[in-house]
N, C-alpha and C. Protein backbone atom coordinates (compact mmCIF):
# COMPACT_ATOMS: atom_id res chain seq x y z
N MET A 1 4.92 36.51 -15.37
CA MET A 1 6.41 36.52 -15.13
C MET A 1 7.15 37.15 -16.14
N SER A 2 8.00 38.00 -15.98
CA SER A 2 8.86 38.69 -16.99
C SER A 2 9.88 37.82 -17.63
N GLN A 3 10.25 38.12 -18.72
CA GLN A 3 11.30 37.41 -19.54
C GLN A 3 12.63 37.27 -18.73
N ILE A 4 12.90 38.39 -18.09
CA ILE A 4 14.29 38.38 -17.29
C ILE A 4 14.23 37.48 -16.35
N SER A 5 13.19 37.10 -15.53
CA SER A 5 13.21 36.06 -14.51
C SER A 5 12.83 34.81 -15.12
N ASP A 6 12.62 34.75 -16.40
CA ASP A 6 12.20 33.37 -16.90
C ASP A 6 13.09 32.94 -17.95
N PRO A 7 13.95 32.02 -17.55
CA PRO A 7 15.06 31.52 -18.45
C PRO A 7 14.67 31.05 -19.53
N ALA A 8 13.45 30.37 -19.81
CA ALA A 8 12.87 29.63 -21.02
C ALA A 8 12.60 30.91 -21.87
N GLY A 9 12.23 32.14 -21.41
CA GLY A 9 11.76 33.07 -22.39
C GLY A 9 13.03 33.91 -22.76
N ALA A 10 14.16 33.79 -22.26
CA ALA A 10 15.32 34.73 -22.55
C ALA A 10 15.71 34.70 -23.95
N GLY A 11 15.92 35.78 -24.34
CA GLY A 11 16.47 35.96 -25.73
C GLY A 11 15.22 35.95 -26.92
N ARG A 12 13.99 36.04 -26.40
CA ARG A 12 13.05 35.96 -27.48
C ARG A 12 12.94 37.34 -28.25
N TRP A 13 13.31 38.34 -27.45
CA TRP A 13 13.32 39.74 -28.21
C TRP A 13 14.39 39.74 -29.47
N LEU A 14 15.23 38.72 -29.31
CA LEU A 14 16.10 38.66 -30.59
C LEU A 14 15.51 38.03 -31.74
N GLN A 15 14.29 37.23 -31.57
CA GLN A 15 13.63 36.79 -32.75
C GLN A 15 12.42 37.78 -33.21
N ASP A 16 12.20 38.75 -32.37
CA ASP A 16 10.90 39.70 -32.53
C ASP A 16 11.27 40.41 -33.71
N PRO A 17 10.47 40.25 -34.90
CA PRO A 17 10.80 41.03 -36.30
C PRO A 17 10.67 42.62 -36.05
N VAL A 18 9.91 43.06 -35.20
CA VAL A 18 10.17 44.50 -35.14
C VAL A 18 11.61 45.04 -34.55
N HIS A 19 12.14 44.15 -33.69
CA HIS A 19 13.28 44.52 -32.98
C HIS A 19 14.50 44.34 -34.08
N ARG A 20 14.28 42.99 -34.82
CA ARG A 20 15.33 42.69 -35.77
C ARG A 20 15.41 44.03 -36.91
N ALA A 21 14.21 44.36 -37.27
CA ALA A 21 14.03 45.32 -38.31
C ALA A 21 14.78 46.70 -37.78
N TYR A 22 14.58 46.97 -36.52
CA TYR A 22 15.35 48.16 -35.94
C TYR A 22 16.66 48.02 -35.92
N LEU A 23 17.33 46.65 -35.70
CA LEU A 23 18.72 46.36 -35.60
C LEU A 23 19.36 46.63 -36.99
N MET A 24 18.59 45.97 -37.85
CA MET A 24 19.02 46.18 -39.31
C MET A 24 19.11 47.52 -39.70
N GLU A 25 18.22 48.50 -39.52
CA GLU A 25 18.15 49.81 -39.87
C GLU A 25 19.13 50.58 -39.28
N ASN A 26 19.46 50.28 -37.77
CA ASN A 26 20.58 50.86 -37.24
C ASN A 26 22.04 50.68 -37.93
N ALA A 27 22.14 49.31 -38.25
CA ALA A 27 23.48 49.08 -38.79
C ALA A 27 23.50 49.81 -40.07
N ARG A 28 22.54 49.65 -40.87
CA ARG A 28 22.54 50.29 -42.08
C ARG A 28 22.80 52.08 -42.19
N ARG A 29 21.99 52.54 -41.25
CA ARG A 29 22.47 53.95 -40.74
C ARG A 29 23.81 54.32 -40.52
N GLN A 30 24.46 53.36 -39.71
CA GLN A 30 25.90 53.43 -39.07
C GLN A 30 26.80 53.30 -40.32
N LEU A 31 26.49 52.45 -41.33
CA LEU A 31 27.26 52.21 -42.44
C LEU A 31 27.30 53.50 -43.36
N ARG A 32 26.09 54.06 -43.55
CA ARG A 32 25.94 55.28 -44.35
C ARG A 32 26.76 56.32 -43.64
N PHE A 33 26.61 56.44 -42.38
CA PHE A 33 27.35 57.66 -41.71
C PHE A 33 28.97 57.46 -41.95
N PHE A 34 29.37 56.07 -42.06
CA PHE A 34 30.90 55.96 -42.17
C PHE A 34 31.21 55.80 -43.77
N ASP A 35 30.37 55.92 -44.56
CA ASP A 35 30.74 55.59 -46.13
C ASP A 35 31.72 56.72 -46.56
N GLY A 36 31.61 57.91 -45.85
CA GLY A 36 32.55 59.13 -46.40
C GLY A 36 33.85 59.22 -45.60
N THR A 37 34.09 58.21 -44.93
CA THR A 37 35.37 57.98 -44.19
C THR A 37 36.58 57.75 -44.99
N LEU A 38 36.36 57.17 -46.18
CA LEU A 38 37.50 56.66 -46.90
C LEU A 38 38.34 57.93 -47.72
N ARG A 39 39.58 57.96 -47.31
CA ARG A 39 40.51 58.82 -47.81
C ARG A 39 41.16 58.55 -49.19
N GLY A 40 41.68 59.45 -49.81
CA GLY A 40 42.32 59.02 -51.06
C GLY A 40 43.63 58.08 -50.90
N ASP A 41 44.31 58.01 -49.64
CA ASP A 41 45.43 57.35 -49.37
C ASP A 41 45.04 55.85 -49.10
N GLY A 42 43.74 55.73 -48.89
CA GLY A 42 43.07 54.32 -48.54
C GLY A 42 42.92 54.16 -47.17
N GLY A 43 43.26 55.24 -46.38
CA GLY A 43 42.94 55.25 -44.87
C GLY A 43 41.51 55.64 -44.77
N PHE A 44 41.15 55.73 -43.32
CA PHE A 44 39.80 56.13 -42.89
C PHE A 44 40.03 57.35 -41.97
N ASP A 45 39.20 58.34 -42.11
CA ASP A 45 39.01 59.58 -41.30
C ASP A 45 38.17 59.07 -40.13
N VAL A 46 38.49 59.62 -38.99
CA VAL A 46 37.78 59.50 -37.73
C VAL A 46 36.88 60.77 -37.73
N LEU A 47 35.57 60.38 -37.48
CA LEU A 47 34.71 61.41 -37.68
C LEU A 47 33.99 61.94 -36.29
N ASP A 48 33.74 63.15 -36.08
CA ASP A 48 33.04 63.84 -34.96
C ASP A 48 31.61 63.16 -35.11
N HIS A 49 30.97 63.42 -33.95
CA HIS A 49 29.49 63.10 -34.02
C HIS A 49 28.62 63.59 -35.13
N ASP A 50 28.95 64.79 -35.71
CA ASP A 50 28.26 65.38 -36.78
C ASP A 50 28.81 64.75 -38.24
N GLY A 51 29.90 63.88 -38.21
CA GLY A 51 30.18 63.49 -39.45
C GLY A 51 31.40 64.21 -39.94
N THR A 52 31.91 65.23 -39.41
CA THR A 52 33.04 65.94 -39.71
C THR A 52 34.40 65.24 -39.43
N PRO A 53 35.23 64.97 -40.27
CA PRO A 53 36.51 64.51 -40.13
C PRO A 53 37.24 65.24 -39.01
N MET A 54 37.76 64.45 -38.12
CA MET A 54 38.59 65.11 -37.11
C MET A 54 39.85 65.21 -37.41
N PRO A 55 40.81 66.31 -36.78
CA PRO A 55 42.22 66.20 -37.16
C PRO A 55 42.81 64.87 -37.01
N ARG A 56 43.82 64.67 -37.86
CA ARG A 56 44.49 63.42 -37.90
C ARG A 56 45.67 63.43 -36.90
N ALA A 57 46.02 62.35 -36.16
CA ALA A 57 47.30 62.29 -35.47
C ALA A 57 47.77 60.73 -35.67
N GLY A 58 47.57 60.27 -36.84
CA GLY A 58 47.92 58.97 -37.13
C GLY A 58 46.63 58.04 -37.24
N GLN A 59 46.74 56.89 -37.99
CA GLN A 59 45.67 56.12 -38.04
C GLN A 59 45.85 54.80 -37.09
N GLU A 60 45.08 54.49 -36.14
CA GLU A 60 45.59 53.35 -35.41
C GLU A 60 44.84 52.16 -36.09
N LEU A 61 45.68 51.09 -35.70
CA LEU A 61 45.34 49.83 -36.36
C LEU A 61 44.07 49.21 -35.96
N HIS A 62 43.59 49.58 -34.61
CA HIS A 62 42.20 48.89 -34.35
C HIS A 62 41.11 49.79 -35.01
N TYR A 63 41.49 51.03 -35.51
CA TYR A 63 40.54 51.65 -36.29
C TYR A 63 40.31 51.16 -37.61
N THR A 64 41.54 50.85 -38.34
CA THR A 64 41.35 50.38 -39.61
C THR A 64 40.76 49.04 -39.50
N THR A 65 41.07 48.13 -38.66
CA THR A 65 40.66 46.68 -38.70
C THR A 65 39.09 46.65 -38.40
N ARG A 66 38.55 47.68 -37.45
CA ARG A 66 37.12 47.63 -37.01
C ARG A 66 36.41 48.30 -38.47
N MET A 67 37.07 49.10 -39.17
CA MET A 67 36.26 49.50 -40.40
C MET A 67 36.08 48.34 -41.31
N VAL A 68 37.08 47.70 -41.62
CA VAL A 68 37.19 46.51 -42.47
C VAL A 68 36.19 45.57 -41.99
N HIS A 69 36.13 45.19 -40.70
CA HIS A 69 35.18 44.23 -40.27
C HIS A 69 33.81 44.72 -40.32
N SER A 70 33.50 46.09 -40.08
CA SER A 70 32.23 46.50 -40.17
C SER A 70 31.58 46.44 -41.71
N TYR A 71 32.67 46.77 -42.53
CA TYR A 71 32.07 46.62 -43.88
C TYR A 71 32.05 45.22 -44.46
N VAL A 72 32.77 44.38 -43.94
CA VAL A 72 32.50 42.91 -44.31
C VAL A 72 31.16 42.56 -43.84
N LEU A 73 30.69 43.02 -42.62
CA LEU A 73 29.39 42.70 -42.12
C LEU A 73 28.33 43.48 -43.04
N GLY A 74 28.82 44.71 -43.49
CA GLY A 74 27.76 45.50 -44.31
C GLY A 74 27.75 44.74 -45.74
N ARG A 75 28.66 44.19 -46.21
CA ARG A 75 28.61 43.55 -47.44
C ARG A 75 27.68 42.22 -47.43
N ALA A 76 27.87 41.52 -46.19
CA ALA A 76 26.70 40.45 -45.80
C ALA A 76 25.36 40.77 -45.83
N ILE A 77 25.13 42.08 -45.73
CA ILE A 77 23.62 42.61 -45.76
C ILE A 77 23.47 43.46 -46.96
N GLY A 78 24.45 43.41 -47.90
CA GLY A 78 24.22 44.06 -49.28
C GLY A 78 24.59 45.46 -49.15
N HIS A 79 25.33 46.10 -48.25
CA HIS A 79 25.47 47.44 -48.24
C HIS A 79 26.12 48.01 -49.59
N PRO A 80 25.73 48.84 -50.28
CA PRO A 80 26.32 49.37 -51.63
C PRO A 80 27.72 50.05 -51.16
N GLY A 81 28.81 49.78 -51.93
CA GLY A 81 30.18 50.19 -51.83
C GLY A 81 30.93 49.52 -50.70
N ALA A 82 30.43 48.55 -50.00
CA ALA A 82 31.13 47.70 -48.93
C ALA A 82 32.38 47.16 -49.59
N ASP A 83 32.45 46.73 -50.69
CA ASP A 83 33.70 46.05 -51.22
C ASP A 83 34.82 47.07 -51.30
N ARG A 84 34.57 48.27 -51.88
CA ARG A 84 35.53 49.39 -51.93
C ARG A 84 36.07 49.53 -50.68
N MET A 85 35.20 49.62 -49.62
CA MET A 85 35.85 49.88 -48.21
C MET A 85 36.80 48.72 -47.78
N ILE A 86 36.21 47.60 -48.08
CA ILE A 86 37.28 46.48 -47.68
C ILE A 86 38.40 46.38 -48.18
N ASP A 87 38.27 46.67 -49.58
CA ASP A 87 39.59 46.60 -50.34
C ASP A 87 40.59 47.54 -49.95
N ALA A 88 40.05 48.88 -49.78
CA ALA A 88 41.00 49.83 -49.39
C ALA A 88 41.55 49.54 -47.86
N GLY A 89 40.84 49.02 -46.99
CA GLY A 89 41.12 48.94 -45.64
C GLY A 89 42.04 47.86 -45.54
N MET A 90 41.90 46.73 -46.44
CA MET A 90 42.96 45.74 -46.35
C MET A 90 44.22 46.08 -47.12
N ALA A 91 44.14 46.86 -48.22
CA ALA A 91 45.26 47.34 -48.74
C ALA A 91 46.11 48.32 -47.84
N PHE A 92 45.47 49.20 -46.93
CA PHE A 92 46.04 50.03 -46.08
C PHE A 92 46.66 49.20 -44.95
N LEU A 93 46.08 48.03 -44.54
CA LEU A 93 46.64 47.22 -43.46
C LEU A 93 48.06 46.56 -43.97
N LEU A 94 47.99 46.09 -45.29
CA LEU A 94 49.11 45.35 -45.87
C LEU A 94 50.22 46.28 -46.22
N THR A 95 49.81 47.51 -46.62
CA THR A 95 50.96 48.47 -47.21
C THR A 95 51.37 49.50 -46.08
N ARG A 96 50.50 49.67 -45.12
CA ARG A 96 50.97 50.92 -44.11
C ARG A 96 51.01 50.39 -42.71
N HIS A 97 50.08 49.59 -42.18
CA HIS A 97 50.32 49.13 -40.89
C HIS A 97 51.38 47.95 -40.80
N ARG A 98 51.45 47.06 -41.76
CA ARG A 98 52.17 45.99 -41.71
C ARG A 98 53.68 46.19 -41.81
N ASP A 99 54.66 45.57 -40.70
CA ASP A 99 55.91 45.87 -40.59
C ASP A 99 56.62 44.75 -41.33
N ALA A 100 56.87 45.22 -42.66
CA ALA A 100 57.40 44.09 -43.48
C ALA A 100 58.83 43.58 -42.94
N GLN A 101 59.39 44.29 -42.28
CA GLN A 101 60.88 44.02 -41.87
C GLN A 101 60.87 43.13 -40.61
N HIS A 102 60.08 43.40 -39.73
CA HIS A 102 60.16 42.54 -38.42
C HIS A 102 58.70 41.75 -38.27
N GLY A 103 57.81 41.84 -39.18
CA GLY A 103 56.43 41.33 -38.93
C GLY A 103 55.70 41.84 -37.86
N GLY A 104 54.28 41.81 -37.96
CA GLY A 104 53.45 42.24 -37.13
C GLY A 104 52.76 43.45 -37.63
N TYR A 105 52.11 44.31 -37.01
CA TYR A 105 51.48 45.60 -37.47
C TYR A 105 51.64 46.68 -36.60
N LEU A 106 51.92 47.76 -37.16
CA LEU A 106 52.20 49.09 -36.34
C LEU A 106 50.90 49.59 -35.98
N TRP A 107 51.06 49.99 -34.72
CA TRP A 107 49.98 50.94 -33.99
C TRP A 107 49.38 51.99 -34.65
N SER A 108 50.11 52.88 -35.28
CA SER A 108 49.66 53.91 -35.67
C SER A 108 50.54 54.42 -36.89
N VAL A 109 49.94 54.84 -38.05
CA VAL A 109 50.75 55.41 -39.14
C VAL A 109 50.07 56.66 -39.52
N ASP A 110 50.77 57.39 -40.33
CA ASP A 110 50.37 58.71 -40.88
C ASP A 110 50.94 58.98 -42.29
N GLU A 111 50.65 60.08 -42.75
CA GLU A 111 51.11 60.43 -44.29
C GLU A 111 52.51 60.26 -44.51
N THR A 112 53.51 60.36 -43.41
CA THR A 112 54.74 60.29 -43.62
C THR A 112 55.41 58.92 -43.34
N GLY A 113 54.64 58.13 -42.76
CA GLY A 113 55.01 56.70 -42.34
C GLY A 113 54.54 56.28 -41.06
N VAL A 114 55.50 55.85 -40.09
CA VAL A 114 55.20 55.35 -38.72
C VAL A 114 54.93 56.62 -38.02
N HIS A 115 53.78 56.46 -37.37
CA HIS A 115 53.26 57.59 -36.34
C HIS A 115 53.69 56.95 -34.96
N ASP A 116 53.53 55.78 -34.73
CA ASP A 116 53.62 55.10 -33.53
C ASP A 116 53.98 53.61 -33.64
N GLY A 117 55.16 53.33 -33.72
CA GLY A 117 55.61 52.03 -33.77
C GLY A 117 55.38 50.91 -33.09
N LEU A 118 54.61 51.08 -31.99
CA LEU A 118 54.45 49.93 -30.93
C LEU A 118 53.50 48.97 -31.56
N LYS A 119 53.89 47.80 -31.24
CA LYS A 119 52.78 46.47 -31.71
C LYS A 119 52.26 46.03 -30.53
N LEU A 120 50.99 46.60 -30.24
CA LEU A 120 50.34 46.06 -29.18
C LEU A 120 49.42 44.92 -29.51
N ALA A 121 49.43 44.00 -28.48
CA ALA A 121 48.39 42.91 -28.55
C ALA A 121 46.94 43.42 -28.78
N TYR A 122 46.53 44.55 -28.30
CA TYR A 122 45.13 45.04 -28.48
C TYR A 122 45.00 45.28 -29.95
N GLY A 123 45.95 45.91 -30.61
CA GLY A 123 45.63 46.18 -31.93
C GLY A 123 45.65 44.90 -32.84
N HIS A 124 46.52 43.87 -32.42
CA HIS A 124 46.72 42.70 -33.09
C HIS A 124 45.37 41.78 -33.07
N VAL A 125 44.74 42.12 -32.07
CA VAL A 125 43.52 41.10 -31.87
C VAL A 125 42.36 41.27 -32.74
N PHE A 126 42.45 42.74 -33.15
CA PHE A 126 41.36 43.16 -34.10
C PHE A 126 41.89 42.60 -35.50
């Protein structure tokens, strides 16, 4: 009987050491890929498939928060440089995305300030 039709066997692959090693290496590979995204202003570049920074049209809130979250997980597995990425991302959230006057977080910011001042629930969820 296959594991798919056997509820008692469901999820065993999650405990498989070979599969877990694959997942860990995949996570480490992705973190290494994104290590170079941090810009001098504390924001993160969006990368093309080959790792080349794409042209900027504002940095969206969900991208900033996803990067911070990813590097918090990276810190938990001992990824070198994770603290620097977390600190930069948090500072960018507080100094660039946060609307100090009205509260909440701006959807997209760029080098000149507010690129898109919408405050979307989607962005705040992250």
